[in-house]
Amino acid sequence: MNVSRSEEHFHAVNHAEQTLHKMENYLKEKQLCDVLLIAGHLRIPAHRLVLSAVSDYFAAMFTNDVLEAKQEEVRMEGVDPNALNSLLTQVIEVCSNFLIKQLHPSNCLGIRSFADAQGCTELLSVAHKYTMEHFIEVIKNQEFLLLPANEISKLLCSDDINVPDEETIFHALMQWVRHDVQARQQDLAMLLSYIRLPLLPPQLLADLENSSMFTGDLECQKLLMEAMKYHLLPERRPMMQSPRTKPRKSTVGALYAVGGMDAMKGTTTIEKYDLRTNSWLHIGTMSGRRLQFGVAVIDNKLYVVGGRDGLKTLNTVECFNPAGKIWMVMPPMSTHRHGLGVATLEGPMYAVGGHDGWSYLNTVERWDPEGRQWNYVASYMLLVDVMEVPASNLWNTLTHILTNGVCVLQCPKDVEVWELQHTMDSYMLLGVMMPLLLTIAPDFLTVWNGKIFLFIHVFIWLFVFIRNKKDF
């Protein structure tokens, strides 16, 4: 008769960490130590097994038929006490390196706590960075739920947690509190102060207001009220700044450097800057060389628009999906443009001005993401090359900024401000403003206060515009 037998394999990812942790605690408490090393004035309790595992010298001493093999105290004649102490320190380093290789979301918090208690700074640093990097996986494990409040606070206050949004951290805290509500309710307000509540969705804040966990806690109510005011009074946000309004590094997105000049020729590479790790990473390559093109973001995808390849002006458009690192060819613009300005406004993308290889343009095209087509909208009255303004001719040229629907045309003495009227497909003159400050900066495209600013070449004028009074 044949008997089938299934085999099951079990792998304990934290077995080694727990074993060494216990051995270290026994050594610290001088328990189960089976040998005492004496060198000069130093008396060092130790384990024969550990010493033999890391040193052939001790292995020979304790495993051969010699006097020291059976002695409880071994006098290390002619051995410098400091040298012996360094040796045992090296043993700790070997154990630390071993634990680093064993790091896993299910044990990193335990290793982190162990390293902190034993003063192993390198192991502590590596375990902490691992915890921050894999935070989403760490909070799914039992170690997180068993942490004391002071350890939870150390995690929540960090700017380096790798999470997609602040809501993830909030739900992790609530999961920890619910694991033992009676004992942990008293720490909720203190821990909640480390959550960036103003950055949570307003719908979530409204639901929390009537939650039984928060209604009876005055400090929690104050924190919720602070967050609600941040959403209800956006015009006062500059006066409401605090550590709770500062986004964590992983939630602010990434900066992409697309194309440009590499020595004497155009480069096709795309690099991504990660604020959390303070590093640049090559993530993609364009299909061909482009200079003086425009870039915009729609639905977390990069659109590369127009430009020139060194020989001719382009009307082609490419779309890059950073998540899948996939390039797609999009419908081309109706007009070939280099030196154009590109920005998104309430969904659609606008390609403004530029040069077609023969003359400057004042036309504007709008890309409809849903219809996947380009359409002309109202032209403005001045011809502008918004990307390439020679510094030597700056005083006699115009630059262009597209700021959330406001078209700013700049000249040396004053600036005319035009607003694109979507409903009437036309521009309206808002006023003329005088320059207040001259500064120096390179070309860059930036986003501030929900608006997109395109700054050109070396000199930038800074203006103050009071829209409701049309006064400068």
Protein backbone atom coordinates (compact mmCIF):
# COMPACT_ATOMS: atom_id res chain seq x y z
CA MET A 1 0.00 0.00 0.00
CA ASN A 2 1.36 3.37 -1.01
CA VAL A 3 1.06 6.13 1.52
CA SER A 4 1.35 9.67 0.20
CA ARG A 5 2.94 12.16 2.52
CA SER A 6 2.95 15.92 2.07
CA GLU A 7 5.80 18.01 3.36
CA GLU A 8 5.36 21.44 4.86
CA HIS A 9 8.20 23.91 5.19
CA PHE A 10 8.23 26.60 7.86
CA HIS A 11 10.59 29.57 7.76
CA ALA A 12 10.82 31.84 10.83
CA VAL A 13 12.20 35.12 9.55
CA ASN A 14 12.93 36.49 13.03
CA HIS A 15 14.30 33.36 14.69
CA ALA A 16 17.95 34.43 14.52
CA GLU A 17 17.14 37.92 15.76
CA GLN A 18 15.19 36.60 18.74
CA THR A 19 17.91 34.08 19.61
CA LEU A 20 20.72 36.63 19.59
CA HIS A 21 18.55 39.09 21.46
CA LYS A 22 18.04 36.59 24.28
CA MET A 23 21.73 35.72 24.36
CA GLU A 24 22.64 39.39 24.61
CA ASN A 25 20.20 39.89 27.49
CA TYR A 26 21.63 36.89 29.34
CA LEU A 27 25.12 38.30 28.88
CA LYS A 28 24.03 41.73 30.09
CA GLU A 29 22.47 40.22 33.22
CA LYS A 30 25.47 37.88 33.66
CA GLN A 31 23.15 34.91 33.42
CA LEU A 32 24.05 31.56 31.83
CA CYS A 33 27.56 32.87 31.27
CA ASP A 34 29.89 29.91 31.48
CA VAL A 35 33.26 31.63 31.47
CA LEU A 36 34.87 34.73 32.95
CA LEU A 37 37.72 36.28 30.98
CA ILE A 38 40.29 38.12 33.12
CA ALA A 39 42.78 40.53 31.58
CA GLY A 40 44.50 42.93 33.92
CA HIS A 41 41.80 44.75 35.86
CA LEU A 42 39.02 43.69 33.48
CA ARG A 43 36.70 40.79 34.34
CA ILE A 44 34.44 40.05 31.37
CA PRO A 45 31.62 37.45 31.57
CA ALA A 46 31.07 35.63 28.28
CA HIS A 47 29.62 32.58 26.57
CA ARG A 48 32.00 29.87 25.35
CA LEU A 49 29.71 29.05 22.44
CA VAL A 50 29.62 32.63 21.15
CA LEU A 51 33.37 33.15 21.57
CA SER A 52 34.12 29.87 19.80
CA ALA A 53 31.78 30.70 16.93
CA VAL A 54 33.55 33.97 16.12
CA SER A 55 37.16 33.18 17.10
CA ASP A 56 39.29 30.17 16.17
CA TYR A 57 41.54 30.99 19.12
CA PHE A 58 38.73 30.58 21.64
CA ALA A 59 37.37 27.57 19.72
CA ALA A 60 40.71 25.79 20.16
CA MET A 61 40.85 26.79 23.82
CA PHE A 62 37.39 25.50 24.71
CA THR A 63 37.16 22.39 22.52
CA ASN A 64 40.58 20.78 23.05
CA ASP A 65 41.78 18.84 26.08
CA VAL A 66 43.46 21.76 27.81
CA LEU A 67 43.17 23.20 31.30
CA GLU A 68 41.20 26.30 30.22
CA ALA A 69 38.49 24.15 28.66
CA LYS A 70 37.13 23.26 32.08
CA GLN A 71 37.93 26.43 34.03
CA GLU A 72 35.18 28.90 34.92
CA GLU A 73 37.71 31.73 35.01
CA VAL A 74 40.32 32.05 32.30
CA ARG A 75 43.18 34.43 32.91
CA MET A 76 44.38 35.94 29.64
CA GLU A 77 48.09 36.32 30.40
CA GLY A 78 49.98 38.80 28.29
CA VAL A 79 46.77 40.09 26.70
CA ASP A 80 46.14 43.80 26.74
CA PRO A 81 42.79 44.49 28.45
CA ASN A 82 41.86 47.06 25.81
CA ALA A 83 42.64 44.59 23.04
CA LEU A 84 40.37 42.01 24.63
CA ASN A 85 37.61 44.56 25.00
CA SER A 86 38.03 45.49 21.32
CA LEU A 87 37.72 41.83 20.39
CA LEU A 88 34.41 41.52 22.19
CA THR A 89 33.28 44.74 20.53
CA GLN A 90 34.08 43.13 17.20
CA VAL A 91 31.91 40.18 18.19
CA ILE A 92 29.04 42.60 18.70
CA GLU A 93 29.71 44.11 15.25
CA VAL A 94 29.60 40.66 13.67
CA CYS A 95 26.26 40.03 15.34
CA SER A 96 25.02 43.44 14.17
CA ASN A 97 25.99 42.70 10.57
CA PHE A 98 24.19 39.39 10.82
CA LEU A 99 21.04 41.06 12.14
CA ILE A 100 21.17 43.65 9.36
CA LYS A 101 20.96 40.81 6.83
CA GLN A 102 17.94 39.41 8.67
CA LEU A 103 15.89 42.63 8.59
CA HIS A 104 12.26 42.05 7.60
CA PRO A 105 9.01 44.03 8.12
CA SER A 106 8.03 41.50 10.77
CA ASN A 107 11.18 41.94 12.89
CA CYS A 108 12.74 45.33 12.10
CA LEU A 109 11.05 47.05 15.06
CA GLY A 110 12.41 44.43 17.46
CA ILE A 111 15.91 44.75 16.01
CA ARG A 112 15.62 48.54 16.19
CA SER A 113 14.63 48.40 19.86
CA PHE A 114 17.40 45.89 20.63
CA ALA A 115 20.04 48.06 18.95
CA ASP A 116 18.84 51.14 20.83
CA ALA A 117 19.02 49.33 24.19
CA GLN A 118 22.49 47.92 23.50
CA GLY A 119 23.98 51.12 22.06
CA CYS A 120 24.62 49.57 18.62
CA THR A 121 24.42 52.84 16.68
CA GLU A 122 25.04 51.42 13.21
CA LEU A 123 22.47 48.66 13.63
CA LEU A 124 20.00 51.18 15.08
CA SER A 125 20.45 53.50 12.10
CA VAL A 126 20.04 50.72 9.52
CA ALA A 127 17.01 49.23 11.29
CA HIS A 128 15.37 52.65 11.60
CA LYS A 129 15.89 53.43 7.90
CA TYR A 130 14.49 50.02 7.00
CA THR A 131 11.43 50.69 9.15
CA MET A 132 10.86 54.07 7.49
CA GLU A 133 11.30 52.61 3.99
CA HIS A 134 8.92 49.66 4.56
CA PHE A 135 6.47 51.39 6.91
CA ILE A 136 3.36 50.21 5.05
CA GLU A 137 4.43 46.56 5.48
CA VAL A 138 5.68 47.10 9.05
CA ILE A 139 2.30 48.33 10.36
CA LYS A 140 0.68 45.08 9.22
CA ASN A 141 2.74 43.04 11.69
CA GLN A 142 2.27 42.24 15.37
CA GLU A 143 5.42 44.06 16.44
CA PHE A 144 3.86 47.40 15.53
CA LEU A 145 0.71 46.75 17.56
CA LEU A 146 2.78 45.81 20.62
CA LEU A 147 4.97 48.93 20.63
CA PRO A 148 4.72 51.25 23.66
CA ALA A 149 3.41 54.79 23.14
CA ASN A 150 6.86 56.40 23.34
CA GLU A 151 8.12 54.20 20.48
CA ILE A 152 5.03 54.99 18.39
CA SER A 153 5.71 58.71 18.88
CA LYS A 154 9.27 58.29 17.57
CA LEU A 155 7.86 56.82 14.36
CA LEU A 156 5.04 59.32 13.88
CA CYS A 157 7.22 62.41 14.28
CA SER A 158 9.58 61.42 11.46
CA ASP A 159 9.51 63.22 8.10
CA ASP A 160 11.12 60.21 6.44
CA ILE A 161 8.22 57.73 6.61
CA ASN A 162 7.63 56.28 3.16
CA VAL A 163 3.85 56.57 2.68
CA PRO A 164 1.66 57.77 -0.20
CA ASP A 165 -0.30 60.19 2.00
CA GLU A 166 -0.82 61.33 5.60
CA GLU A 167 -4.04 59.36 5.83
CA THR A 168 -2.03 56.11 5.83
CA ILE A 169 -0.19 57.18 8.99
CA PHE A 170 -3.42 58.28 10.68
CA HIS A 171 -5.06 54.90 10.08
CA ALA A 172 -1.94 53.14 11.39
CA LEU A 173 -2.22 55.12 14.63
CA MET A 174 -5.92 54.31 15.01
CA GLN A 175 -5.16 50.62 14.40
CA TRP A 176 -2.60 50.74 17.24
CA VAL A 177 -5.05 52.49 19.61
CA ARG A 178 -7.88 50.03 18.90
CA HIS A 179 -5.58 47.10 19.74
CA ASP A 180 -5.95 48.10 23.42
CA VAL A 181 -8.35 51.05 23.65
CA GLN A 182 -8.67 51.13 27.43
CA ALA A 183 -4.93 51.38 28.02
CA ARG A 184 -4.08 53.56 25.02
CA GLN A 185 -6.92 56.10 24.93
CA GLN A 186 -4.96 58.29 27.36
CA ASP A 187 -2.10 58.60 24.84
CA LEU A 188 -4.31 59.42 21.84
CA ALA A 189 -4.08 63.23 22.07
CA MET A 190 -0.30 63.17 22.47
CA LEU A 191 0.16 60.84 19.51
CA LEU A 192 -2.46 62.65 17.41
CA SER A 193 -0.36 65.82 17.68
CA TYR A 194 2.27 64.09 15.52
CA ILE A 195 -0.26 63.47 12.72
CA ARG A 196 -0.45 66.22 10.08
CA LEU A 197 -4.23 66.54 10.54
CA PRO A 198 -4.59 69.64 8.31
CA LEU A 199 -3.36 67.50 5.42
CA LEU A 200 -6.09 64.87 5.85
CA PRO A 201 -9.14 64.94 3.54
CA PRO A 202 -11.89 67.23 4.93
CA GLN A 203 -14.44 64.41 4.66
CA LEU A 204 -12.37 62.30 7.06
CA LEU A 205 -12.03 65.19 9.52
CA ALA A 206 -15.81 65.69 9.50
CA ASP A 207 -16.34 62.02 10.35
CA LEU A 208 -13.84 62.17 13.22
CA GLU A 209 -15.64 65.07 14.90
CA ASN A 210 -18.43 62.75 16.08
CA SER A 211 -16.24 59.71 16.79
CA SER A 212 -16.49 58.44 20.37
CA MET A 213 -12.71 58.35 20.63
CA PHE A 214 -12.46 62.12 20.11
CA THR A 215 -15.63 63.67 21.53
CA GLY A 216 -14.58 63.21 25.15
CA ASP A 217 -11.01 64.45 24.72
CA LEU A 218 -10.60 68.24 24.72
CA GLU A 219 -7.05 68.14 23.31
CA CYS A 220 -8.17 65.94 20.42
CA GLN A 221 -11.03 68.34 19.71
CA LYS A 222 -8.59 71.27 19.56
CA LEU A 223 -6.42 69.44 17.05
CA LEU A 224 -9.44 68.60 14.88
CA MET A 225 -10.64 72.21 15.00
CA GLU A 226 -7.21 73.42 13.91
CA ALA A 227 -7.32 71.07 10.92
CA MET A 228 -10.86 72.12 9.95
CA LYS A 229 -9.93 75.82 10.03
CA TYR A 230 -7.05 75.05 7.68
CA HIS A 231 -9.56 73.71 5.13
CA LEU A 232 -12.30 76.30 5.74
CA LEU A 233 -10.03 79.36 5.57
CA PRO A 234 -7.52 78.73 2.77
CA GLU A 235 -6.72 82.45 2.51
CA ARG A 236 -5.38 82.36 6.08
CA ARG A 237 -3.14 79.33 5.62
CA PRO A 238 0.07 81.42 5.55
CA MET A 239 -0.75 82.43 9.13
CA MET A 240 -1.61 78.86 10.21
CA GLN A 241 1.74 77.27 9.44
CA SER A 242 3.01 74.73 11.98
CA PRO A 243 4.81 71.35 11.97
CA ARG A 244 1.38 69.78 11.31
CA THR A 245 0.94 71.69 8.03
CA LYS A 246 4.30 70.59 6.64
CA PRO A 247 3.95 67.57 4.32
CA ARG A 248 6.21 64.58 4.85
CA LYS A 249 8.90 64.14 2.23
CA SER A 250 7.32 61.11 0.58
CA THR A 251 3.95 62.86 0.09
CA VAL A 252 5.11 65.96 -1.81
CA GLY A 253 5.73 64.12 -5.08
CA ALA A 254 8.93 64.14 -7.11
CA LEU A 255 10.86 66.55 -9.31
CA TYR A 256 11.61 65.45 -12.87
CA ALA A 257 14.43 66.81 -15.02
CA VAL A 258 13.56 66.21 -18.67
CA GLY A 259 15.98 66.52 -21.56
CA GLY A 260 18.10 69.65 -21.85
CA MET A 261 21.68 70.13 -22.99
CA ASP A 262 24.41 67.58 -22.36
CA ALA A 263 27.77 69.21 -23.17
CA MET A 264 27.29 70.34 -26.79
CA LYS A 265 24.22 68.30 -27.70
CA GLY A 266 20.72 67.65 -26.45
CA THR A 267 20.14 64.85 -23.98
CA THR A 268 17.17 62.48 -24.10
CA THR A 269 17.25 61.29 -20.49
CA ILE A 270 14.69 61.84 -17.73
CA GLU A 271 15.83 61.93 -14.12
CA LYS A 272 13.75 61.92 -10.95
CA TYR A 273 14.69 63.64 -7.69
CA ASP A 274 13.39 62.02 -4.52
CA LEU A 275 13.27 64.48 -1.62
CA ARG A 276 13.04 61.72 0.99
CA THR A 277 16.24 59.97 -0.09
CA ASN A 278 17.90 63.15 -1.41
CA SER A 279 18.94 61.38 -4.60
CA TRP A 280 18.52 61.50 -8.39
CA LEU A 281 17.48 58.41 -10.34
CA HIS A 282 17.45 57.82 -14.09
CA ILE A 283 13.94 56.63 -14.97
CA GLY A 284 13.53 56.92 -18.73
CA THR A 285 14.67 58.11 -22.13
CA MET A 286 12.79 60.07 -24.78
CA SER A 287 12.49 58.58 -28.25
CA GLY A 288 14.58 61.36 -29.75
CA ARG A 289 16.47 64.53 -28.96
CA ARG A 290 14.41 67.62 -28.11
CA LEU A 291 15.39 71.17 -27.27
CA GLN A 292 13.19 74.09 -26.16
CA PHE A 293 10.14 71.91 -25.60
CA GLY A 294 7.35 72.25 -23.05
CA VAL A 295 6.45 69.86 -20.23
CA ALA A 296 3.24 69.46 -18.23
CA VAL A 297 1.65 66.86 -15.95
CA ILE A 298 -1.84 65.41 -16.44
CA ASP A 299 -3.11 62.48 -14.34
CA ASN A 300 0.41 61.77 -13.03
CA LYS A 301 1.76 61.47 -16.57
CA LEU A 302 4.45 63.66 -18.14
CA TYR A 303 3.63 65.30 -21.48
CA VAL A 304 6.58 66.44 -23.61
CA VAL A 305 5.32 68.96 -26.16
CA GLY A 306 6.94 70.43 -29.27
CA GLY A 307 10.50 71.73 -29.29
CA ARG A 308 13.12 71.14 -31.93
CA ASP A 309 15.49 68.27 -32.66
CA GLY A 310 18.40 70.44 -33.79
CA LEU A 311 17.28 70.55 -37.42
CA LYS A 312 13.58 71.32 -37.45
CA THR A 313 10.79 72.56 -35.20
CA LEU A 314 8.47 69.82 -33.92
CA ASN A 315 4.74 69.54 -33.34
CA THR A 316 4.92 66.03 -31.88
CA VAL A 317 3.81 65.12 -28.37
CA GLU A 318 5.01 62.24 -26.19
CA CYS A 319 3.47 61.02 -22.94
CA PHE A 320 5.49 59.23 -20.24
CA ASN A 321 3.90 57.16 -17.48
CA PRO A 322 6.44 57.04 -14.58
CA ALA A 323 4.55 54.22 -12.85
CA GLY A 324 4.98 51.77 -15.72
CA LYS A 325 7.90 53.59 -17.38
CA ILE A 326 5.96 53.48 -20.67
CA TRP A 327 6.10 56.03 -23.50
CA MET A 328 3.06 56.78 -25.67
CA VAL A 329 2.87 58.87 -28.83
CA MET A 330 0.03 61.40 -28.60
CA PRO A 331 -1.76 63.34 -31.37
CA PRO A 332 0.45 66.21 -32.61
CA MET A 333 -0.29 69.91 -32.30
CA SER A 334 -1.62 71.77 -35.31
CA THR A 335 1.38 74.13 -35.25
CA HIS A 336 5.07 73.33 -35.02
CA ARG A 337 6.47 75.14 -31.96
CA HIS A 338 9.73 75.48 -30.11
CA GLY A 339 10.31 77.85 -27.22
CA LEU A 340 6.66 77.46 -26.24
CA GLY A 341 5.09 77.70 -22.80
CA VAL A 342 3.05 74.73 -21.58
CA ALA A 343 0.79 74.56 -18.51
CA THR A 344 -2.38 72.84 -17.32
CA LEU A 345 -5.46 74.73 -16.19
CA GLU A 346 -8.49 72.99 -14.66
CA GLY A 347 -7.88 69.83 -16.70
CA PRO A 348 -6.87 70.91 -20.22
CA MET A 349 -3.27 71.63 -21.23
CA TYR A 350 -2.31 74.83 -23.07
CA ALA A 351 0.56 75.32 -25.53
CA VAL A 352 1.28 79.04 -25.73
CA GLY A 353 3.29 81.03 -28.26
CA GLY A 354 6.75 79.95 -29.27
CA HIS A 355 8.44 79.96 -32.67
CA ASP A 356 7.60 77.83 -35.72
CA GLY A 357 11.05 78.07 -37.29
CA TRP A 358 10.14 81.15 -39.34
CA SER A 359 8.40 83.60 -37.03
CA TYR A 360 7.21 84.16 -33.48
CA LEU A 361 3.71 82.93 -32.63
CA ASN A 362 0.86 84.44 -30.65
CA THR A 363 -1.46 81.46 -31.07
CA VAL A 364 -2.61 79.18 -28.25
CA GLU A 365 -3.63 75.52 -28.56
CA ARG A 366 -5.54 73.57 -25.95
CA TRP A 367 -5.28 69.80 -25.40
CA ASP A 368 -8.47 68.07 -24.30
CA PRO A 369 -7.49 64.92 -22.30
CA GLU A 370 -10.95 63.37 -22.71
CA GLY A 371 -11.37 64.10 -26.41
CA ARG A 372 -7.65 63.48 -27.06
CA GLN A 373 -7.35 66.34 -29.52
CA TRP A 374 -5.83 69.80 -29.90
CA ASN A 375 -7.96 72.89 -30.59
CA TYR A 376 -7.07 76.53 -31.14
CA VAL A 377 -8.26 79.05 -28.55
CA ALA A 378 -8.01 82.83 -28.58
CA SER A 379 -4.65 84.28 -29.60
CA TYR A 380 -3.10 87.02 -27.52
CA MET A 381 -2.03 90.31 -29.00
CA LEU A 382 1.76 90.14 -28.64
CA LEU A 383 4.22 87.80 -30.31
CA VAL A 384 6.25 86.00 -27.67
CA ASP A 385 9.00 83.40 -27.58
CA VAL A 386 8.44 82.30 -24.01
CA MET A 387 11.35 79.91 -23.58
CA GLU A 388 14.29 81.46 -25.38
CA VAL A 389 14.99 85.09 -24.56
CA PRO A 390 18.63 86.11 -25.15
CA ALA A 391 20.01 87.72 -22.01
CA SER A 392 21.71 90.41 -24.11
CA ASN A 393 18.32 91.48 -25.53
CA LEU A 394 16.40 91.08 -22.29
CA TRP A 395 15.61 94.78 -21.96
CA ASN A 396 13.96 94.83 -25.37
CA THR A 397 12.08 91.54 -25.19
CA LEU A 398 8.98 90.14 -23.61
CA THR A 399 8.66 87.06 -21.46
CA HIS A 400 5.61 85.07 -20.64
CA ILE A 401 4.15 83.52 -17.53
CA LEU A 402 0.97 81.45 -17.51
CA THR A 403 -0.37 81.46 -13.94
CA ASN A 404 -3.63 79.61 -13.43
CA GLY A 405 -5.44 81.49 -16.16
CA VAL A 406 -3.53 84.78 -15.91
CA CYS A 407 -1.27 85.62 -18.83
CA VAL A 408 1.55 87.97 -17.79
CA LEU A 409 3.45 89.74 -20.56
CA GLN A 410 6.63 91.35 -19.23
CA CYS A 411 8.70 94.19 -20.59
CA PRO A 412 11.41 96.37 -18.97
CA LYS A 413 9.18 99.15 -17.63
CA ASP A 414 5.85 97.57 -16.92
CA VAL A 415 3.85 94.39 -17.27
CA GLU A 416 0.44 93.96 -18.79
CA VAL A 417 -1.69 91.30 -17.10
CA TRP A 418 -4.27 89.48 -19.20
CA GLU A 419 -6.78 86.89 -18.03
CA LEU A 420 -8.05 84.15 -20.31
CA GLN A 421 -11.87 84.10 -20.15
CA HIS A 422 -12.82 80.44 -20.66
CA THR A 423 -16.50 81.10 -21.27
CA MET A 424 -15.90 83.84 -23.85
CA ASP A 425 -12.65 82.41 -25.27
CA SER A 426 -10.97 85.81 -25.07
CA TYR A 427 -8.50 87.81 -23.00
CA MET A 428 -9.30 90.69 -20.65
CA LEU A 429 -6.74 93.30 -19.63
CA LEU A 430 -6.54 93.40 -15.84
CA GLY A 431 -4.00 96.16 -15.47
CA VAL A 432 -0.38 97.18 -15.68
CA MET A 433 2.07 96.62 -12.85
CA MET A 434 5.45 98.11 -12.11
CA PRO A 435 8.49 96.05 -11.12
CA LEU A 436 9.43 96.08 -7.44
CA LEU A 437 12.49 93.87 -7.30
CA LEU A 438 15.19 92.53 -9.59
CA THR A 439 16.82 89.21 -8.80
CA ILE A 440 18.93 86.59 -10.56
CA ALA A 441 17.90 83.01 -11.26
CA PRO A 442 18.18 80.31 -13.96
CA ASP A 443 15.34 79.06 -16.14
CA PHE A 444 12.87 77.05 -14.12
CA LEU A 445 9.26 75.97 -13.98
CA THR A 446 7.69 75.86 -10.55
CA VAL A 447 4.33 75.47 -8.84
CA TRP A 448 3.33 77.71 -5.94
CA ASN A 449 -0.01 78.24 -4.23
CA GLY A 450 -1.86 76.25 -6.88
CA LYS A 451 -0.36 78.26 -9.75
CA ILE A 452 2.28 77.46 -12.37
CA PHE A 453 5.13 79.93 -12.91
CA LEU A 454 7.56 79.87 -15.83
CA PHE A 455 10.66 82.02 -15.29
CA ILE A 456 12.93 82.83 -18.19
CA HIS A 457 16.72 82.93 -18.35
CA VAL A 458 18.83 85.10 -16.05
CA PHE A 459 16.76 88.02 -14.80
CA ILE A 460 13.40 87.82 -13.02
CA TRP A 461 11.20 90.73 -12.03
CA LEU A 462 9.11 90.24 -8.90
CA PHE A 463 5.70 91.94 -8.86
CA VAL A 464 2.87 92.40 -6.41
CA PHE A 465 -0.60 92.28 -7.93
CA ILE A 466 -3.77 92.98 -5.91
CA ARG A 467 -6.36 91.45 -8.19
CA ASN A 468 -9.59 92.75 -6.66
CA LYS A 469 -8.38 96.37 -6.73
CA LYS A 470 -6.44 96.08 -9.99
CA ASP A 471 -3.77 98.09 -8.24
CA PHE A 472 -0.01 97.53 -7.99
